[in-house]
C-alpha atoms as a PDB file:
ATOM      1  CA  UNK A   1       6.357  27.065   7.841  1.00  0.00           C
ATOM      2  CA  UNK A   2       4.704  29.350   5.321  1.00  0.00           C
ATOM      3  CA  UNK A   3       1.022  28.341   5.331  1.00  0.00           C
ATOM      4  CA  UNK A   4      -0.165  31.545   3.619  1.00  0.00           C
ATOM      5  CA  UNK A   5       1.791  33.153   0.786  1.00  0.00           C
ATOM      6  CA  UNK A   6      -0.302  36.307   0.580  1.00  0.00           C
ATOM      7  CA  UNK A   7      -3.821  37.623   0.929  1.00  0.00           C
ATOM      8  CA  UNK A   8      -6.147  39.430  -1.442  1.00  0.00           C
ATOM      9  CA  UNK A   9      -8.585  41.069   0.926  1.00  0.00           C
ATOM     10  CA  UNK A  10      -9.921  38.237   3.057  1.00  0.00           C
ATOM     11  CA  UNK A  11      -8.957  35.587   0.474  1.00  0.00           C
ATOM     12  CA  UNK A  12      -5.830  33.600   1.344  1.00  0.00           C
ATOM     13  CA  UNK A  13      -3.427  32.170  -1.235  1.00  0.00           C
ATOM     14  CA  UNK A  14      -1.905  29.202   0.580  1.00  0.00           C
ATOM     15  CA  UNK A  15       1.351  27.417  -0.135  1.00  0.00           C
ATOM     16  CA  UNK A  16      -0.582  24.164  -0.171  1.00  0.00           C
ATOM     17  CA  UNK A  17      -2.913  25.398  -2.897  1.00  0.00           C
ATOM     18  CA  UNK A  18      -0.029  26.732  -4.987  1.00  0.00           C
ATOM     19  CA  UNK A  19       1.928  23.478  -4.706  1.00  0.00           C
ATOM     20  CA  UNK A  20      -1.136  21.420  -5.591  1.00  0.00           C
ATOM     21  CA  UNK A  21      -1.425  23.547  -8.737  1.00  0.00           C
ATOM     22  CA  UNK A  22       2.276  23.008  -9.475  1.00  0.00           C
ATOM     23  CA  UNK A  23       1.842  19.261  -8.895  1.00  0.00           C
ATOM     24  CA  UNK A  24      -1.055  19.201 -11.359  1.00  0.00           C
ATOM     25  CA  UNK A  25       0.904  21.081 -14.050  1.00  0.00           C
ATOM     26  CA  UNK A  26       4.026  18.942 -13.660  1.00  0.00           C
ATOM     27  CA  UNK A  27       2.019  15.718 -13.518  1.00  0.00           C
ATOM     28  CA  UNK A  28      -0.084  16.517 -16.570  1.00  0.00           C
ATOM     29  CA  UNK A  29       3.013  17.554 -18.550  1.00  0.00           C
ATOM     30  CA  UNK A  30       4.859  14.353 -17.648  1.00  0.00           C
ATOM     31  CA  UNK A  31       1.832  12.220 -18.467  1.00  0.00           C
ATOM     32  CA  UNK A  32       1.544  13.913 -21.853  1.00  0.00           C
ATOM     33  CA  UNK A  33       5.178  13.072 -22.626  1.00  0.00           C
ATOM     34  CA  UNK A  34       4.679   9.453 -21.564  1.00  0.00           C
ATOM     35  CA  UNK A  35       1.597   9.170 -23.782  1.00  0.00           C
ATOM     36  CA  UNK A  36       3.667  10.256 -26.789  1.00  0.00           C
ATOM     37  CA  UNK A  37       6.440   7.818 -25.888  1.00  0.00           C
ATOM     38  CA  UNK A  38       3.881   5.009 -25.601  1.00  0.00           C
ATOM     39  CA  UNK A  39       2.197   6.010 -28.880  1.00  0.00           C
ATOM     40  CA  UNK A  40      -1.104   6.539 -27.138  1.00  0.00           C
ATOM     41  CA  UNK A  41      -3.670   9.205 -28.148  1.00  0.00           C
ATOM     42  CA  UNK A  42      -2.657  12.674 -26.955  1.00  0.00           C
ATOM     43  CA  UNK A  43      -6.233  13.467 -25.933  1.00  0.00           C
ATOM     44  CA  UNK A  44      -5.895  10.815 -23.228  1.00  0.00           C
ATOM     45  CA  UNK A  45      -4.167  13.575 -21.240  1.00  0.00           C
ATOM     46  CA  UNK A  46      -7.721  14.586 -20.313  1.00  0.00           C
ATOM     47  CA  UNK A  47      -7.639  11.636 -17.916  1.00  0.00           C
ATOM     48  CA  UNK A  48      -4.940  13.420 -15.918  1.00  0.00           C
ATOM     49  CA  UNK A  49      -6.728  16.757 -15.890  1.00  0.00           C
ATOM     50  CA  UNK A  50     -10.030  15.287 -14.758  1.00  0.00           C
ATOM     51  CA  UNK A  51      -8.157  12.913 -12.456  1.00  0.00           C
ATOM     52  CA  UNK A  52      -6.671  15.885 -10.594  1.00  0.00           C
ATOM     53  CA  UNK A  53     -10.148  17.284 -10.008  1.00  0.00           C
ATOM     54  CA  UNK A  54     -11.546  13.908  -8.977  1.00  0.00           C
ATOM     55  CA  UNK A  55      -8.562  13.230  -6.740  1.00  0.00           C
ATOM     56  CA  UNK A  56      -8.830  16.526  -4.885  1.00  0.00           C
ATOM     57  CA  UNK A  57     -12.567  16.090  -4.464  1.00  0.00           C
ATOM     58  CA  UNK A  58     -12.182  12.522  -3.211  1.00  0.00           C
ATOM     59  CA  UNK A  59      -9.340  13.442  -0.863  1.00  0.00           C
ATOM     60  CA  UNK A  60     -11.213  16.333   0.725  1.00  0.00           C
ATOM     61  CA  UNK A  61     -14.545  14.500   0.949  1.00  0.00           C
ATOM     62  CA  UNK A  62     -13.123  11.394   2.605  1.00  0.00           C
ATOM     63  CA  UNK A  63     -11.087  13.505   5.037  1.00  0.00           C
ATOM     64  CA  UNK A  64     -14.241  15.473   5.879  1.00  0.00           C
ATOM     65  CA  UNK A  65     -16.168  12.252   6.491  1.00  0.00           C
ATOM     66  CA  UNK A  66     -13.370  10.940   8.719  1.00  0.00           C
ATOM     67  CA  UNK A  67     -13.578  14.026  10.950  1.00  0.00           C
ATOM     68  CA  UNK A  68     -17.345  14.587  10.952  1.00  0.00           C
ATOM     69  CA  UNK A  69     -18.455  15.680  14.400  1.00  0.00           C
ATOM     70  CA  UNK A  70     -15.073  17.151  15.289  1.00  0.00           C
ATOM     71  CA  UNK A  71     -15.741  20.474  13.560  1.00  0.00           C
ATOM     72  CA  UNK A  72     -18.568  21.967  11.469  1.00  0.00           C
ATOM     73  CA  UNK A  73     -18.750  20.430   7.983  1.00  0.00           C
ATOM     74  CA  UNK A  74     -18.187  23.816   6.327  1.00  0.00           C
ATOM     75  CA  UNK A  75     -14.980  24.357   8.306  1.00  0.00           C
ATOM     76  CA  UNK A  76     -13.712  20.915   7.330  1.00  0.00           C
ATOM     77  CA  UNK A  77     -14.489  21.374   3.644  1.00  0.00           C
ATOM     78  CA  UNK A  78     -12.822  24.782   3.384  1.00  0.00           C
ATOM     79  CA  UNK A  79      -9.886  24.252   5.738  1.00  0.00           C
ATOM     80  CA  UNK A  80      -6.438  25.094   4.324  1.00  0.00           C
ATOM     81  CA  UNK A  81      -5.277  21.528   4.847  1.00  0.00           C
ATOM     82  CA  UNK A  82      -6.707  18.100   5.371  1.00  0.00           C
ATOM     83  CA  UNK A  83      -6.715  15.618   2.511  1.00  0.00           C
ATOM     84  CA  UNK A  84      -7.051  11.851   2.629  1.00  0.00           C
ATOM     85  CA  UNK A  85      -4.473   9.938   0.575  1.00  0.00           C
ATOM     86  CA  UNK A  86      -6.894   7.046   0.080  1.00  0.00           C
ATOM     87  CA  UNK A  87      -9.699   9.420  -0.909  1.00  0.00           C
ATOM     88  CA  UNK A  88      -7.420  11.080  -3.450  1.00  0.00           C
ATOM     89  CA  UNK A  89      -6.355   7.729  -4.844  1.00  0.00           C
ATOM     90  CA  UNK A  90      -9.933   6.487  -5.211  1.00  0.00           C
ATOM     91  CA  UNK A  91     -11.282   9.751  -6.622  1.00  0.00           C
ATOM     92  CA  UNK A  92      -8.377  10.389  -8.989  1.00  0.00           C
ATOM     93  CA  UNK A  93      -7.985   6.875 -10.342  1.00  0.00           C
ATOM     94  CA  UNK A  94     -11.716   6.256 -10.811  1.00  0.00           C
ATOM     95  CA  UNK A  95     -12.125   9.557 -12.667  1.00  0.00           C
ATOM     96  CA  UNK A  96      -9.043   8.869 -14.782  1.00  0.00           C
ATOM     97  CA  UNK A  97     -10.275   5.370 -15.649  1.00  0.00           C
ATOM     98  CA  UNK A  98     -13.609   6.778 -16.756  1.00  0.00           C
ATOM     99  CA  UNK A  99     -11.890   9.209 -19.133  1.00  0.00           C
ATOM    100  CA  UNK A 100      -9.528   6.545 -20.483  1.00  0.00           C
ATOM    101  CA  UNK A 101     -12.505   4.340 -21.309  1.00  0.00           C
ATOM    102  CA  UNK A 102     -14.233   7.225 -23.059  1.00  0.00           C
ATOM    103  CA  UNK A 103     -11.081   7.870 -25.106  1.00  0.00           C
ATOM    104  CA  UNK A 104     -10.805   4.124 -25.892  1.00  0.00           C
ATOM    105  CA  UNK A 105      -7.313   3.927 -24.423  1.00  0.00           C
ATOM    106  CA  UNK A 106      -6.153   0.484 -23.170  1.00  0.00           C
ATOM    107  CA  UNK A 107      -6.506   0.765 -19.387  1.00  0.00           C
ATOM    108  CA  UNK A 108      -3.252  -0.910 -18.320  1.00  0.00           C
ATOM    109  CA  UNK A 109      -1.183   0.980 -20.918  1.00  0.00           C
ATOM    110  CA  UNK A 110      -2.787   4.273 -19.928  1.00  0.00           C
ATOM    111  CA  UNK A 111      -2.292   3.726 -16.204  1.00  0.00           C
ATOM    112  CA  UNK A 112       1.304   2.585 -16.687  1.00  0.00           C
ATOM    113  CA  UNK A 113       2.019   5.779 -18.626  1.00  0.00           C
ATOM    114  CA  UNK A 114       0.509   7.767 -15.763  1.00  0.00           C
ATOM    115  CA  UNK A 115       2.529   6.176 -12.940  1.00  0.00           C
ATOM    116  CA  UNK A 116       5.573   8.521 -13.061  1.00  0.00           C
ATOM    117  CA  UNK A 117       3.252  11.525 -13.120  1.00  0.00           C
ATOM    118  CA  UNK A 118       1.243  10.175 -10.204  1.00  0.00           C
ATOM    119  CA  UNK A 119       4.386   9.674  -8.119  1.00  0.00           C
ATOM    120  CA  UNK A 120       5.976  13.058  -8.831  1.00  0.00           C
ATOM    121  CA  UNK A 121       2.683  14.933  -8.454  1.00  0.00           C
ATOM    122  CA  UNK A 122       2.097  13.229  -5.121  1.00  0.00           C
ATOM    123  CA  UNK A 123       5.618  14.182  -3.993  1.00  0.00           C
ATOM    124  CA  UNK A 124       5.051  17.869  -4.763  1.00  0.00           C
ATOM    125  CA  UNK A 125       1.732  17.761  -2.918  1.00  0.00           C
ATOM    126  CA  UNK A 126       3.467  16.361   0.165  1.00  0.00           C
ATOM    127  CA  UNK A 127       5.765  19.392   0.165  1.00  0.00           C
ATOM    128  CA  UNK A 128       2.604  21.499   0.338  1.00  0.00           C
ATOM    129  CA  UNK A 129       1.491  19.514   3.371  1.00  0.00           C
ATOM    130  CA  UNK A 130       4.856  20.218   5.012  1.00  0.00           C
ATOM    131  CA  UNK A 131       4.600  23.965   4.437  1.00  0.00           C
ATOM    132  CA  UNK A 132       1.126  24.191   6.017  1.00  0.00           C
ATOM    133  CA  UNK A 133       2.052  21.826   8.874  1.00  0.00           C
ATOM    134  CA  UNK A 134      -0.416  19.088   8.041  1.00  0.00           C
ATOM    135  CA  UNK A 135       0.017  15.314   8.348  1.00  0.00           C
ATOM    136  CA  UNK A 136       3.219  15.381  10.396  1.00  0.00           C
ATOM    137  CA  UNK A 137       4.764  12.596  12.463  1.00  0.00           C
ATOM    138  CA  UNK A 138       5.378  11.714  16.069  1.00  0.00           C
ATOM    139  CA  UNK A 139       7.771  13.588  18.384  1.00  0.00           C
ATOM    140  CA  UNK A 140      11.445  13.131  17.606  1.00  0.00           C
ATOM    141  CA  UNK A 141      14.811  14.381  18.857  1.00  0.00           C
ATOM    142  CA  UNK A 142      16.505  13.881  15.486  1.00  0.00           C
ATOM    143  CA  UNK A 143      18.425  16.917  14.162  1.00  0.00           C
ATOM    144  CA  UNK A 144      15.940  17.432  11.321  1.00  0.00           C
ATOM    145  CA  UNK A 145      12.805  17.191  13.486  1.00  0.00           C
ATOM    146  CA  UNK A 146      10.467  20.147  12.945  1.00  0.00           C
ATOM    147  CA  UNK A 147       7.892  21.911  15.116  1.00  0.00           C
ATOM    148  CA  UNK A 148       4.682  23.193  13.520  1.00  0.00           C
ATOM    149  CA  UNK A 149       3.360  26.002  15.772  1.00  0.00           C
ATOM    150  CA  UNK A 150       0.863  26.995  13.067  1.00  0.00           C
ATOM    151  CA  UNK A 151       0.145  23.449  11.966  1.00  0.00           C
ATOM    152  CA  UNK A 152      -3.056  21.469  11.662  1.00  0.00           C
ATOM    153  CA  UNK A 153      -3.219  21.003  14.626  1.00  0.00           C
ATOM    154  CA  UNK A 154      -0.483  23.258  16.075  1.00  0.00           C
ATOM    155  CA  UNK A 155       2.571  21.430  17.412  1.00  0.00           C
ATOM    156  CA  UNK A 156       5.392  23.216  19.271  1.00  0.00           C
ATOM    157  CA  UNK A 157       7.338  20.013  19.985  1.00  0.00           C
ATOM    158  CA  UNK A 158       9.735  18.832  17.218  1.00  0.00           C
ATOM    159  CA  UNK A 159       8.277  15.924  15.269  1.00  0.00           C
ATOM    160  CA  UNK A 160       9.200  13.705  12.324  1.00  0.00           C
ATOM    161  CA  UNK A 161       8.639  15.622   9.048  1.00  0.00           C
ATOM    162  CA  UNK A 162       6.873  12.637   7.538  1.00  0.00           C
ATOM    163  CA  UNK A 163       5.743  14.763   4.597  1.00  0.00           C
ATOM    164  CA  UNK A 164       9.392  15.174   3.557  1.00  0.00           C
ATOM    165  CA  UNK A 165      10.143  11.489   4.080  1.00  0.00           C
ATOM    166  CA  UNK A 166       7.276  10.554   1.798  1.00  0.00           C
ATOM    167  CA  UNK A 167       8.157  13.170  -0.815  1.00  0.00           C
ATOM    168  CA  UNK A 168      11.742  11.880  -1.057  1.00  0.00           C
ATOM    169  CA  UNK A 169      10.543   8.294  -1.427  1.00  0.00           C
ATOM    170  CA  UNK A 170       8.025   9.290  -4.111  1.00  0.00           C
ATOM    171  CA  UNK A 171      10.634  11.146  -6.167  1.00  0.00           C
ATOM    172  CA  UNK A 172      12.809   8.032  -6.055  1.00  0.00           C
ATOM    173  CA  UNK A 173       9.817   5.939  -7.158  1.00  0.00           C
ATOM    174  CA  UNK A 174       9.088   8.337 -10.047  1.00  0.00           C
ATOM    175  CA  UNK A 175      12.701   8.126 -11.264  1.00  0.00           C
ATOM    176  CA  UNK A 176      12.638   4.328 -11.043  1.00  0.00           C
ATOM    177  CA  UNK A 177       9.358   4.141 -12.965  1.00  0.00           C
ATOM    178  CA  UNK A 178      10.723   6.319 -15.774  1.00  0.00           C
ATOM    179  CA  UNK A 179      13.826   4.141 -16.036  1.00  0.00           C
ATOM    180  CA  UNK A 180      11.785   0.938 -16.083  1.00  0.00           C
ATOM    181  CA  UNK A 181       9.529   2.258 -18.804  1.00  0.00           C
ATOM    182  CA  UNK A 182      12.499   3.271 -20.915  1.00  0.00           C
ATOM    183  CA  UNK A 183      14.133  -0.104 -20.307  1.00  0.00           C
ATOM    184  CA  UNK A 184      11.115  -1.834 -21.849  1.00  0.00           C
ATOM    185  CA  UNK A 185       9.573  -3.272 -18.672  1.00  0.00           C
ATOM    186  CA  UNK A 186       6.003  -4.352 -19.460  1.00  0.00           C
ATOM    187  CA  UNK A 187       3.123  -2.014 -18.650  1.00  0.00           C
ATOM    188  CA  UNK A 188       1.574  -4.556 -16.311  1.00  0.00           C
ATOM    189  CA  UNK A 189       4.797  -4.882 -14.329  1.00  0.00           C
ATOM    190  CA  UNK A 190       5.366  -1.110 -14.187  1.00  0.00           C
ATOM    191  CA  UNK A 191       1.851  -0.593 -12.871  1.00  0.00           C
ATOM    192  CA  UNK A 192       2.271  -3.378 -10.318  1.00  0.00           C
ATOM    193  CA  UNK A 193       5.595  -1.989  -9.110  1.00  0.00           C
ATOM    194  CA  UNK A 194       4.094   1.459  -8.685  1.00  0.00           C
ATOM    195  CA  UNK A 195       1.201   0.129  -6.621  1.00  0.00           C
ATOM    196  CA  UNK A 196       3.504  -1.957  -4.416  1.00  0.00           C
ATOM    197  CA  UNK A 197       6.079   0.797  -3.894  1.00  0.00           C
ATOM    198  CA  UNK A 198       3.605   3.642  -3.311  1.00  0.00           C
ATOM    199  CA  UNK A 199       1.486   1.489  -0.994  1.00  0.00           C
ATOM    200  CA  UNK A 200       4.516   0.228   0.933  1.00  0.00           C
ATOM    201  CA  UNK A 201       5.804   3.775   1.366  1.00  0.00           C
ATOM    202  CA  UNK A 202       2.504   4.931   2.798  1.00  0.00           C
ATOM    203  CA  UNK A 203       2.286   1.856   5.024  1.00  0.00           C
ATOM    204  CA  UNK A 204       5.780   2.502   6.431  1.00  0.00           C
ATOM    205  CA  UNK A 205       5.059   6.198   7.052  1.00  0.00           C
ATOM    206  CA  UNK A 206       1.950   5.301   9.061  1.00  0.00           C
ATOM    207  CA  UNK A 207       4.148   3.854  11.829  1.00  0.00           C
ATOM    208  CA  UNK A 208       5.478   7.298  12.737  1.00  0.00           C
ATOM    209  CA  UNK A 209       2.650   9.537  11.520  1.00  0.00           C
ATOM    210  CA  UNK A 210       0.156  11.129  13.914  1.00  0.00           C
ATOM    211  CA  UNK A 211      -3.402  10.073  13.095  1.00  0.00           C
ATOM    212  CA  UNK A 212      -5.346  11.077  16.205  1.00  0.00           C
ATOM    213  CA  UNK A 213      -7.864  13.922  15.666  1.00  0.00           C
ATOM    214  CA  UNK A 214      -7.238  16.844  17.984  1.00  0.00           C
ATOM    215  CA  UNK A 215      -9.912  19.332  18.957  1.00  0.00           C
ATOM    216  CA  UNK A 216      -7.810  21.807  20.934  1.00  0.00           C
ATOM    217  CA  UNK A 217      -5.801  24.115  18.678  1.00  0.00           C
ATOM    218  CA  UNK A 218      -3.868  26.143  21.250  1.00  0.00           C
ATOM    219  CA  UNK A 219      -0.338  27.131  20.287  1.00  0.00           C
ATOM    220  CA  UNK A 220       1.094  26.946  23.784  1.00  0.00           C
ATOM    221  CA  UNK A 221       3.770  24.434  24.721  1.00  0.00           C
ATOM    222  CA  UNK A 222       1.717  23.089  27.593  1.00  0.00           C
ATOM    223  CA  UNK A 223      -1.230  22.290  25.339  1.00  0.00           C
ATOM    224  CA  UNK A 224       1.101  20.508  22.928  1.00  0.00           C
ATOM    225  CA  UNK A 225       2.375  18.453  25.831  1.00  0.00           C
ATOM    226  CA  UNK A 226      -1.209  17.593  26.782  1.00  0.00           C
ATOM    227  CA  UNK A 227      -1.787  16.477  23.219  1.00  0.00           C
ATOM    228  CA  UNK A 228       1.275  14.248  23.346  1.00  0.00           C
ATOM    229  CA  UNK A 229       0.037  12.753  26.595  1.00  0.00           C
ATOM    230  CA  UNK A 230      -3.294  11.946  24.952  1.00  0.00           C
ATOM    231  CA  UNK A 231      -1.332   9.986  22.346  1.00  0.00           C
ATOM    232  CA  UNK A 232       0.419   8.053  25.087  1.00  0.00           C
ATOM    233  CA  UNK A 233       3.806   9.637  24.257  1.00  0.00           C
END
């Protein structure tokens, strides 16, 4: 785990923040290429740029709402982790749709062109979650299980690295989407496949992902065991 890359005074540059920036750059670049391939207006790339902002805002706000009362609102809003996938989806897509309408881009064609970028950007973001120890899975004795002693919350017992599972699946989805688009699959079908595959991936991950909010943040093994007991594990 490398939650903090470096500090400038009291300001932390986190791996999560850096990877979110990388995800945005890669996603916007890929979307721009797909717009050209689809003969859509290049300025529609604004939908991706504003979508990133809307997605991050939606993800953080919904996550904050979900955990209201657990910690002060300011701590939740400015924590180094903690994003809601559904909040990001709602915020990003709604903002992107608004921009596409303003640019007079056909909605289905624009969204279909964005699907590979959405999948690969999401995959890179999940790697950021892994590096800060956020959104991990349930305890596991598999060889690749990982402990997150500095995670959110800390976990000293090896668990499923669900962030990696999801990232691998999303990269595969992005590759498939690019191939389908180049094979001439209709925009409606590409968009539908993305929604089904991305949603199914998230649904499957939920079976082994830890969702319970934890107040205690001790790094000791005994506290981690108490946490596991509270989950009924």
